[in-house]
C-alpha atoms as a PDB file:
ATOM      1  CA  MET A   1     109.738 113.013 106.320  1.00  0.00           C
ATOM      2  CA  ILE A   2     113.714 113.177 105.504  1.00  0.00           C
ATOM      3  CA  GLN A   3     114.257 111.878 109.003  1.00  0.00           C
ATOM      4  CA  ARG A   4     111.895 109.306 107.924  1.00  0.00           C
ATOM      5  CA  LEU A   5     113.788 107.852 104.822  1.00  0.00           C
ATOM      6  CA  LEU A   6     116.647 108.453 106.824  1.00  0.00           C
ATOM      7  CA  THR A   7     115.502 106.248 109.815  1.00  0.00           C
ATOM      8  CA  PHE A   8     113.983 103.601 106.865  1.00  0.00           C
ATOM      9  CA  SER A   9     117.407 103.050 105.254  1.00  0.00           C
ATOM     10  CA  ALA A  10     119.457 102.924 108.427  1.00  0.00           C
ATOM     11  CA  LEU A  11     117.056  99.687 108.833  1.00  0.00           C
ATOM     12  CA  TRP A  12     117.381  98.435 105.227  1.00  0.00           C
ATOM     13  CA  LEU A  13     121.007  97.919 106.048  1.00  0.00           C
ATOM     14  CA  LEU A  14     120.341  95.937 109.218  1.00  0.00           C
ATOM     15  CA  CYS A  15     117.528  93.703 107.868  1.00  0.00           C
ATOM     16  CA  SER A  16     117.771  91.104 105.276  1.00  0.00           C
ATOM     17  CA  CYS A  17     117.087  90.926 101.739  1.00  0.00           C
ATOM     18  CA  SER A  18     113.595  89.390 100.382  1.00  0.00           C
ATOM     19  CA  THR A  19     113.919  85.802  98.633  1.00  0.00           C
ATOM     20  CA  LEU A  20     110.547  86.349  97.056  1.00  0.00           C
ATOM     21  CA  PRO A  21     110.064  87.136  93.826  1.00  0.00           C
ATOM     22  CA  ASN A  22     109.947  90.938  93.159  1.00  0.00           C
ATOM     23  CA  PRO A  23     106.705  92.130  91.676  1.00  0.00           C
ATOM     24  CA  TYR A  24     108.248  95.427  89.764  1.00  0.00           C
ATOM     25  CA  GLN A  25     110.247  92.544  87.841  1.00  0.00           C
ATOM     26  CA  ALA A  26     107.120  90.479  86.974  1.00  0.00           C
ATOM     27  CA  GLY A  27     106.416  91.734  83.790  1.00  0.00           C
ATOM     28  CA  LEU A  28     109.631  91.632  82.209  1.00  0.00           C
ATOM     29  CA  SER A  29     109.124  87.883  82.608  1.00  0.00           C
ATOM     30  CA  GLY A  30     107.155  85.019  82.858  1.00  0.00           C
ATOM     31  CA  GLY A  31     105.134  82.573  80.611  1.00  0.00           C
ATOM     32  CA  ALA A  32     101.535  83.142  78.261  1.00  0.00           C
ATOM     33  CA  SER A  33      98.978  85.265  79.843  1.00  0.00           C
ATOM     34  CA  GLY A  34      96.410  82.709  78.867  1.00  0.00           C
ATOM     35  CA  THR A  35      98.298  80.627  80.971  1.00  0.00           C
ATOM     36  CA  GLY A  36      98.040  82.416  84.471  1.00  0.00           C
ATOM     37  CA  LEU A  37      94.522  83.549  83.134  1.00  0.00           C
ATOM     38  CA  ALA A  38      93.452  79.610  83.587  1.00  0.00           C
ATOM     39  CA  ILE A  39      94.994  79.141  86.520  1.00  0.00           C
ATOM     40  CA  LEU A  40      93.443  82.093  88.157  1.00  0.00           C
ATOM     41  CA  LYS A  41      90.614  81.349  86.996  1.00  0.00           C
ATOM     42  CA  LYS A  42      90.182  77.682  87.925  1.00  0.00           C
ATOM     43  CA  SER A  43      91.065  79.353  91.812  1.00  0.00           C
ATOM     44  CA  ALA A  44      88.171  81.410  92.057  1.00  0.00           C
ATOM     45  CA  GLU A  45      86.491  78.832  91.088  1.00  0.00           C
ATOM     46  CA  SER A  46      88.077  77.013  94.127  1.00  0.00           C
ATOM     47  CA  HIS A  47      87.054  79.488  96.486  1.00  0.00           C
ATOM     48  CA  GLY A  48      83.411  79.832  95.398  1.00  0.00           C
ATOM     49  CA  ASN A  49      83.353  83.695  96.028  1.00  0.00           C
ATOM     50  CA  ARG A  50      83.423  85.252  93.149  1.00  0.00           C
ATOM     51  CA  TRP A  51      83.463  88.626  94.523  1.00  0.00           C
ATOM     52  CA  ASP A  52      80.983  90.638  92.555  1.00  0.00           C
ATOM     53  CA  ARG A  53      78.094  87.412  93.539  1.00  0.00           C
ATOM     54  CA  PHE A  54      77.631  89.738  97.377  1.00  0.00           C
ATOM     55  CA  GLU A  55      75.113  92.469  97.941  1.00  0.00           C
ATOM     56  CA  LYS A  56      76.876  92.737 101.255  1.00  0.00           C
ATOM     57  CA  VAL A  57      80.074  91.298 103.170  1.00  0.00           C
ATOM     58  CA  GLU A  58      80.591  92.208 106.853  1.00  0.00           C
ATOM     59  CA  VAL A  59      83.641  91.209 108.260  1.00  0.00           C
ATOM     60  CA  SER A  60      85.500  91.779 111.773  1.00  0.00           C
ATOM     61  CA  TYR A  61      89.162  91.459 112.118  1.00  0.00           C
ATOM     62  CA  SER A  62      91.525  92.185 115.174  1.00  0.00           C
ATOM     63  CA  GLY A  63      95.630  92.007 115.322  1.00  0.00           C
ATOM     64  CA  THR A  64      98.759  93.585 116.066  1.00  0.00           C
ATOM     65  CA  TRP A  65     101.167  95.586 114.291  1.00  0.00           C
ATOM     66  CA  ALA A  66     105.021  95.259 114.513  1.00  0.00           C
ATOM     67  CA  LYS A  67     106.948  97.977 116.417  1.00  0.00           C
ATOM     68  CA  MET A  68     108.811  98.364 113.774  1.00  0.00           C
ATOM     69  CA  ALA A  69     106.474  98.682 110.659  1.00  0.00           C
ATOM     70  CA  THR A  70     104.401 101.431 113.016  1.00  0.00           C
ATOM     71  CA  ARG A  71     107.761 103.055 113.088  1.00  0.00           C
ATOM     72  CA  ILE A  72     108.581 103.092 109.299  1.00  0.00           C
ATOM     73  CA  GLN A  73     105.407 103.992 107.913  1.00  0.00           C
ATOM     74  CA  PRO A  74     103.240 106.127 110.859  1.00  0.00           C
ATOM     75  CA  VAL A  75     100.171 107.092 108.807  1.00  0.00           C
ATOM     76  CA  LEU A  76      99.494 103.388 106.726  1.00  0.00           C
ATOM     77  CA  THR A  77      99.434 101.832 109.429  1.00  0.00           C
ATOM     78  CA  ASP A  78      97.976 103.818 111.981  1.00  0.00           C
ATOM     79  CA  SER A  79      98.298 101.797 115.127  1.00  0.00           C
ATOM     80  CA  GLU A  80      96.552 104.192 117.817  1.00  0.00           C
ATOM     81  CA  PHE A  81      93.318 103.905 115.618  1.00  0.00           C
ATOM     82  CA  ARG A  82      93.653 100.191 113.669  1.00  0.00           C
ATOM     83  CA  LYS A  83      93.720  97.101 115.698  1.00  0.00           C
ATOM     84  CA  SER A  84      89.980  95.897 115.979  1.00  0.00           C
ATOM     85  CA  SER A  85      88.155  96.824 112.859  1.00  0.00           C
ATOM     86  CA  GLU A  86      83.872  96.036 111.953  1.00  0.00           C
ATOM     87  CA  GLU A  87      84.064  96.195 108.053  1.00  0.00           C
ATOM     88  CA  SER A  88      81.049  96.013 105.553  1.00  0.00           C
ATOM     89  CA  TYR A  89      81.627  95.314 101.482  1.00  0.00           C
ATOM     90  CA  PHE A  90      79.125  95.811  98.749  1.00  0.00           C
ATOM     91  CA  PRO A  91      80.858  94.524  95.673  1.00  0.00           C
ATOM     92  CA  ARG A  92      78.473  95.732  93.420  1.00  0.00           C
ATOM     93  CA  SER A  93      78.400  99.237  93.897  1.00  0.00           C
ATOM     94  CA  GLY A  94      82.221  99.458  94.933  1.00  0.00           C
ATOM     95  CA  ILE A  95      81.185 100.982  98.925  1.00  0.00           C
ATOM     96  CA  VAL A  96      83.193 100.075 101.816  1.00  0.00           C
ATOM     97  CA  VAL A  97      82.922 100.718 104.966  1.00  0.00           C
ATOM     98  CA  GLN A  98      85.439  99.944 108.117  1.00  0.00           C
ATOM     99  CA  GLU A  99      85.022 100.890 111.682  1.00  0.00           C
ATOM    100  CA  HIS A 100      88.548 100.967 112.964  1.00  0.00           C
ATOM    101  CA  ARG A 101      89.329 101.218 116.995  1.00  0.00           C
ATOM    102  CA  GLY A 102      92.700 101.222 118.809  1.00  0.00           C
ATOM    103  CA  PRO A 103      94.080 102.803 121.778  1.00  0.00           C
ATOM    104  CA  GLY A 104      93.638 105.814 120.411  1.00  0.00           C
ATOM    105  CA  GLY A 105      89.841 105.375 119.778  1.00  0.00           C
ATOM    106  CA  SER A 106      87.595 105.752 116.766  1.00  0.00           C
ATOM    107  CA  LYS A 107      88.266 105.570 112.704  1.00  0.00           C
ATOM    108  CA  SER A 108      85.764 105.357 110.365  1.00  0.00           C
ATOM    109  CA  VAL A 109      85.934 105.328 106.235  1.00  0.00           C
ATOM    110  CA  ARG A 110      84.071 105.142 103.470  1.00  0.00           C
ATOM    111  CA  GLN A 111      84.938 104.936 100.472  1.00  0.00           C
ATOM    112  CA  THR A 112      82.420 104.593  97.223  1.00  0.00           C
ATOM    113  CA  GLY A 113      84.565 104.371  94.205  1.00  0.00           C
ATOM    114  CA  ASP A 114      87.769 107.182  93.989  1.00  0.00           C
ATOM    115  CA  GLU A 115      85.853 109.119  96.253  1.00  0.00           C
ATOM    116  CA  VAL A 116      86.965 108.179  99.819  1.00  0.00           C
ATOM    117  CA  SER A 117      86.195 110.563 103.333  1.00  0.00           C
ATOM    118  CA  ILE A 118      87.656 109.374 106.910  1.00  0.00           C
ATOM    119  CA  SER A 119      87.216 110.718 110.809  1.00  0.00           C
ATOM    120  CA  TYR A 120      88.813 109.965 113.992  1.00  0.00           C
ATOM    121  CA  ASN A 121      86.767 109.701 116.772  1.00  0.00           C
ATOM    122  CA  GLY A 122      83.919 111.555 114.619  1.00  0.00           C
ATOM    123  CA  THR A 123      86.055 114.342 113.603  1.00  0.00           C
ATOM    124  CA  PRO A 124      86.348 114.426 109.547  1.00  0.00           C
ATOM    125  CA  SER A 125      89.997 114.817 108.532  1.00  0.00           C
ATOM    126  CA  GLN A 126      91.115 116.428 104.999  1.00  0.00           C
ATOM    127  CA  ASP A 127      94.728 115.280 105.594  1.00  0.00           C
ATOM    128  CA  SER A 128      95.288 114.421 102.125  1.00  0.00           C
ATOM    129  CA  GLU A 129      97.915 111.209 103.106  1.00  0.00           C
ATOM    130  CA  GLN A 130      95.664 110.134 105.820  1.00  0.00           C
ATOM    131  CA  ARG A 131      93.305 109.811 102.948  1.00  0.00           C
ATOM    132  CA  ASP A 132      95.506 108.396 100.688  1.00  0.00           C
ATOM    133  CA  ALA A 133      96.367 105.581 103.073  1.00  0.00           C
ATOM    134  CA  SER A 134      93.092 104.860 103.812  1.00  0.00           C
ATOM    135  CA  SER A 135      92.071 104.060 100.001  1.00  0.00           C
ATOM    136  CA  LEU A 136      95.148 102.033  99.709  1.00  0.00           C
ATOM    137  CA  VAL A 137      93.682 100.228 103.047  1.00  0.00           C
ATOM    138  CA  VAL A 138      90.384  99.698 101.654  1.00  0.00           C
ATOM    139  CA  ASP A 139      91.332  98.268  97.951  1.00  0.00           C
ATOM    140  CA  ALA A 140      94.311  96.502  99.825  1.00  0.00           C
ATOM    141  CA  TYR A 141      91.381  94.565 102.005  1.00  0.00           C
ATOM    142  CA  THR A 142      89.407  94.001  99.528  1.00  0.00           C
ATOM    143  CA  ALA A 143      91.917  92.152  97.243  1.00  0.00           C
ATOM    144  CA  PHE A 144      92.733  89.983 101.051  1.00  0.00           C
ATOM    145  CA  LEU A 145      89.189  89.025 101.574  1.00  0.00           C
ATOM    146  CA  PHE A 146      87.896  88.408  97.809  1.00  0.00           C
ATOM    147  CA  GLY A 147      90.943  86.392  97.021  1.00  0.00           C
ATOM    148  CA  PRO A 148      91.809  85.003  93.088  1.00  0.00           C
ATOM    149  CA  SER A 149      88.321  86.257  91.932  1.00  0.00           C
ATOM    150  CA  TRP A 150      89.269  90.288  92.668  1.00  0.00           C
ATOM    151  CA  VAL A 151      92.654  89.851  90.532  1.00  0.00           C
ATOM    152  CA  LEU A 152      90.985  88.276  87.966  1.00  0.00           C
ATOM    153  CA  SER A 153      88.127  90.993  88.259  1.00  0.00           C
ATOM    154  CA  GLU A 154      90.646  93.865  88.356  1.00  0.00           C
ATOM    155  CA  GLY A 155      94.021  92.202  87.053  1.00  0.00           C
ATOM    156  CA  GLN A 156      95.530  92.503  83.597  1.00  0.00           C
ATOM    157  CA  GLU A 157      98.551  91.127  81.256  1.00  0.00           C
ATOM    158  CA  PHE A 158      98.476  87.926  83.413  1.00  0.00           C
ATOM    159  CA  ARG A 159     101.891  86.126  83.305  1.00  0.00           C
ATOM    160  CA  LEU A 160     102.470  82.492  84.890  1.00  0.00           C
ATOM    161  CA  LEU A 161     106.168  83.038  86.590  1.00  0.00           C
ATOM    162  CA  ALA A 162     108.487  79.643  87.896  1.00  0.00           C
ATOM    163  CA  SER A 163     106.801  78.542  90.215  1.00  0.00           C
ATOM    164  CA  GLU A 164     107.203  78.267  94.273  1.00  0.00           C
ATOM    165  CA  GLU A 165     106.052  76.431  97.471  1.00  0.00           C
ATOM    166  CA  ILE A 166     105.114  77.609 100.320  1.00  0.00           C
ATOM    167  CA  GLU A 167     105.207  75.589 103.856  1.00  0.00           C
ATOM    168  CA  GLY A 168     105.982  72.788 101.546  1.00  0.00           C
ATOM    169  CA  GLU A 169     102.891  73.196  99.038  1.00  0.00           C
ATOM    170  CA  ALA A 170     104.132  73.938  95.485  1.00  0.00           C
ATOM    171  CA  CYS A 171     102.145  76.808  93.974  1.00  0.00           C
ATOM    172  CA  ASP A 172     101.817  78.622  90.820  1.00  0.00           C
ATOM    173  CA  LEU A 173     102.562  81.946  90.717  1.00  0.00           C
ATOM    174  CA  VAL A 174     100.443  84.204  88.502  1.00  0.00           C
ATOM    175  CA  ALA A 175     101.376  87.730  88.241  1.00  0.00           C
ATOM    176  CA  ALA A 176      99.014  90.722  87.275  1.00  0.00           C
ATOM    177  CA  THR A 177      99.275  94.287  86.794  1.00  0.00           C
ATOM    178  CA  LEU A 178      96.463  96.751  88.539  1.00  0.00           C
ATOM    179  CA  ARG A 179      95.909 100.000  86.507  1.00  0.00           C
ATOM    180  CA  PRO A 180      94.400 101.646  88.136  1.00  0.00           C
ATOM    181  CA  GLY A 181      96.377 100.445  90.897  1.00  0.00           C
ATOM    182  CA  LEU A 182      95.816 100.104  94.794  1.00  0.00           C
ATOM    183  CA  GLY A 183      94.719 103.266  96.335  1.00  0.00           C
ATOM    184  CA  ARG A 184      95.489 106.386  94.504  1.00  0.00           C
ATOM    185  CA  ALA A 185      98.493 104.574  92.505  1.00  0.00           C
ATOM    186  CA  GLU A 186      97.819 104.671  88.899  1.00  0.00           C
ATOM    187  CA  GLU A 187      99.660 101.248  88.624  1.00  0.00           C
ATOM    188  CA  ASP A 188     100.633  98.514  90.354  1.00  0.00           C
ATOM    189  CA  GLN A 189     102.093  94.813  89.994  1.00  0.00           C
ATOM    190  CA  VAL A 190     100.729  91.931  91.632  1.00  0.00           C
ATOM    191  CA  ILE A 191     101.722  88.463  92.407  1.00  0.00           C
ATOM    192  CA  ALA A 192      99.388  85.436  93.226  1.00  0.00           C
ATOM    193  CA  TRP A 193     100.139  82.416  94.848  1.00  0.00           C
ATOM    194  CA  ILE A 194      98.075  79.025  93.728  1.00  0.00           C
ATOM    195  CA  SER A 195      98.240  75.651  95.783  1.00  0.00           C
ATOM    196  CA  ARG A 196      98.569  73.037  92.668  1.00  0.00           C
ATOM    197  CA  LYS A 197      96.832  71.061  95.421  1.00  0.00           C
ATOM    198  CA  SER A 198      93.714  72.794  96.903  1.00  0.00           C
ATOM    199  CA  GLY A 199      93.571  75.682  94.182  1.00  0.00           C
ATOM    200  CA  TRP A 200      93.206  78.171  96.867  1.00  0.00           C
ATOM    201  CA  MET A 201      95.196  81.585  97.177  1.00  0.00           C
ATOM    202  CA  ARG A 202      97.886  80.968  99.940  1.00  0.00           C
ATOM    203  CA  ARG A 203      99.952  84.439  99.491  1.00  0.00           C
ATOM    204  CA  LEU A 204      99.139  87.470  97.560  1.00  0.00           C
ATOM    205  CA  GLN A 205     102.522  90.025  96.702  1.00  0.00           C
ATOM    206  CA  PHE A 206     102.097  93.591  95.875  1.00  0.00           C
ATOM    207  CA  THR A 207     103.448  97.022  94.840  1.00  0.00           C
ATOM    208  CA  LEU A 208     102.994 100.072  97.357  1.00  0.00           C
ATOM    209  CA  ASN A 209     102.604 102.723  94.884  1.00  0.00           C
ATOM    210  CA  GLY A 210      99.283 104.600  96.260  1.00  0.00           C
ATOM    211  CA  LEU A 211     101.309 106.444  98.410  1.00  0.00           C
ATOM    212  CA  GLU A 212     104.715 108.857  98.122  1.00  0.00           C
ATOM    213  CA  SER A 213     106.326 107.033 101.035  1.00  0.00           C
ATOM    214  CA  THR A 214     106.109 103.891 100.092  1.00  0.00           C
ATOM    215  CA  LYS A 215     106.790 103.903  96.325  1.00  0.00           C
ATOM    216  CA  GLY A 216     109.437 101.088  95.346  1.00  0.00           C
ATOM    217  CA  ALA A 217     108.445  99.036  97.989  1.00  0.00           C
ATOM    218  CA  ASP A 218     106.639  95.924  98.308  1.00  0.00           C
ATOM    219  CA  VAL A 219     104.775  93.065 100.639  1.00  0.00           C
ATOM    220  CA  ASP A 220     103.295  90.191 100.782  1.00  0.00           C
ATOM    221  CA  VAL A 221     100.110  88.538 103.029  1.00  0.00           C
ATOM    222  CA  VAL A 222      99.982  84.698 103.738  1.00  0.00           C
ATOM    223  CA  PHE A 223      96.291  83.416 104.067  1.00  0.00           C
ATOM    224  CA  SER A 224      96.025  80.401 106.066  1.00  0.00           C
ATOM    225  CA  GLU A 225      93.103  78.651 108.052  1.00  0.00           C
ATOM    226  CA  MET A 226      90.515  78.055 105.643  1.00  0.00           C
ATOM    227  CA  ARG A 227      86.772  77.591 106.223  1.00  0.00           C
ATOM    228  CA  LYS A 228      83.880  77.151 104.394  1.00  0.00           C
ATOM    229  CA  ALA A 229      80.989  78.593 104.546  1.00  0.00           C
ATOM    230  CA  ASP A 230      77.586  76.714 103.982  1.00  0.00           C
ATOM    231  CA  ASP A 231      77.646  77.666 100.075  1.00  0.00           C
ATOM    232  CA  GLY A 232      80.942  76.582  99.592  1.00  0.00           C
ATOM    233  CA  SER A 233      82.611  79.275  99.174  1.00  0.00           C
ATOM    234  CA  VAL A 234      86.530  79.579 101.261  1.00  0.00           C
ATOM    235  CA  TRP A 235      87.427  82.229 102.900  1.00  0.00           C
ATOM    236  CA  PRO A 236      91.359  82.581 104.810  1.00  0.00           C
ATOM    237  CA  THR A 237      90.509  83.805 108.747  1.00  0.00           C
ATOM    238  CA  GLN A 238      94.378  84.457 109.548  1.00  0.00           C
ATOM    239  CA  PHE A 239      96.669  86.828 107.764  1.00  0.00           C
ATOM    240  CA  LEU A 240     100.445  86.998 108.295  1.00  0.00           C
ATOM    241  CA  GLU A 241     102.006  90.616 106.476  1.00  0.00           C
ATOM    242  CA  ARG A 242     105.527  91.404 105.637  1.00  0.00           C
ATOM    243  CA  VAL A 243     107.627  94.029 103.963  1.00  0.00           C
ATOM    244  CA  GLN A 244     109.490  92.594 101.309  1.00  0.00           C
ATOM    245  CA  ARG A 245     111.569  95.449 100.136  1.00  0.00           C
ATOM    246  CA  PRO A 246     113.753  97.763 100.276  1.00  0.00           C
ATOM    247  CA  LEU A 247     113.673  95.436 104.085  1.00  0.00           C
ATOM    248  CA  ALA A 248     112.232  92.119 104.959  1.00  0.00           C
ATOM    249  CA  ILE A 249     110.445  92.740 108.308  1.00  0.00           C
ATOM    250  CA  LYS A 250     107.032  91.248 109.579  1.00  0.00           C
ATOM    251  CA  ALA A 251     104.501  93.987 109.369  1.00  0.00           C
ATOM    252  CA  HIS A 252     101.103  92.757 110.456  1.00  0.00           C
ATOM    253  CA  GLU A 253      98.927  89.845 111.927  1.00  0.00           C
ATOM    254  CA  TRP A 254      95.459  89.246 112.189  1.00  0.00           C
ATOM    255  CA  ARG A 255      92.371  87.203 111.933  1.00  0.00           C
ATOM    256  CA  MET A 256      88.919  87.249 111.167  1.00  0.00           C
ATOM    257  CA  ASN A 257      86.715  86.934 113.861  1.00  0.00           C
ATOM    258  CA  ARG A 258      83.394  86.894 112.005  1.00  0.00           C
ATOM    259  CA  LEU A 259      81.652  86.602 108.613  1.00  0.00           C
ATOM    260  CA  ILE A 260      78.380  87.674 107.580  1.00  0.00           C
ATOM    261  CA  LEU A 261      77.621  86.843 103.820  1.00  0.00           C
ATOM    262  CA  ASP A 262      73.956  88.895 102.224  1.00  0.00           C
ATOM    263  CA  GLY A 263      72.560  88.664 106.151  1.00  0.00           C
ATOM    264  CA  LYS A 264      73.738  85.231 106.587  1.00  0.00           C
ATOM    265  CA  LYS A 265      76.284  84.346 109.351  1.00  0.00           C
ATOM    266  CA  ALA A 266      79.077  82.487 107.469  1.00  0.00           C
ATOM    267  CA  PHE A 267      80.924  82.022 111.069  1.00  0.00           C
END
């Protein structure tokens, strides 16, 4: 752990600082909660996918990890096993099942409420850090998949921040507190970037308090290549994740290959 922290500190000095708003400071500023809440509600309507309206949502992903990210956070990235995945979400019951694959073989994760179990190549793991990391990943990927409706459902203390642009597109920034936070965290902060033009969520910033080794860090995921299902719901299919603090680096890029909504293939 000491060696990892020393490496982390050395890389911090070599990398540029983030220019994005700091989620840890979002609670110290912002407008009335009613304004931010209204924007988030409208965004959820634009996506048309209230996250708990579905009985079962199935997705498949594939992607690549940046080498620096795997060096800094080997347990969280788990890149030997997390290159592609088949995932099932049961929003009404709070169950998530993920089947990951990578050069090292297979990794199975099942989370029901606060309970998570994992296994590698069929062998159960009781390692507390691995389980905490897996729980954080489950919650984060639930947020990525269901977007503003998940933030609306799980967040509180909504605050409207100063507007920003992403790829020339003006966005309203809505900060919120997650309590409990992602994974095992007692609390996390998020900032949802909502496009003024489309109403879609284009970026999600969030803190990483669910692991001892990531406390104080924050990352963001940019969503693109939105696709509309037959029922009118809108889903991102391309994802780009970057660490923002304490150093700004690319972490992970992945795409959605398949989406099935309540047994019906959407794309």
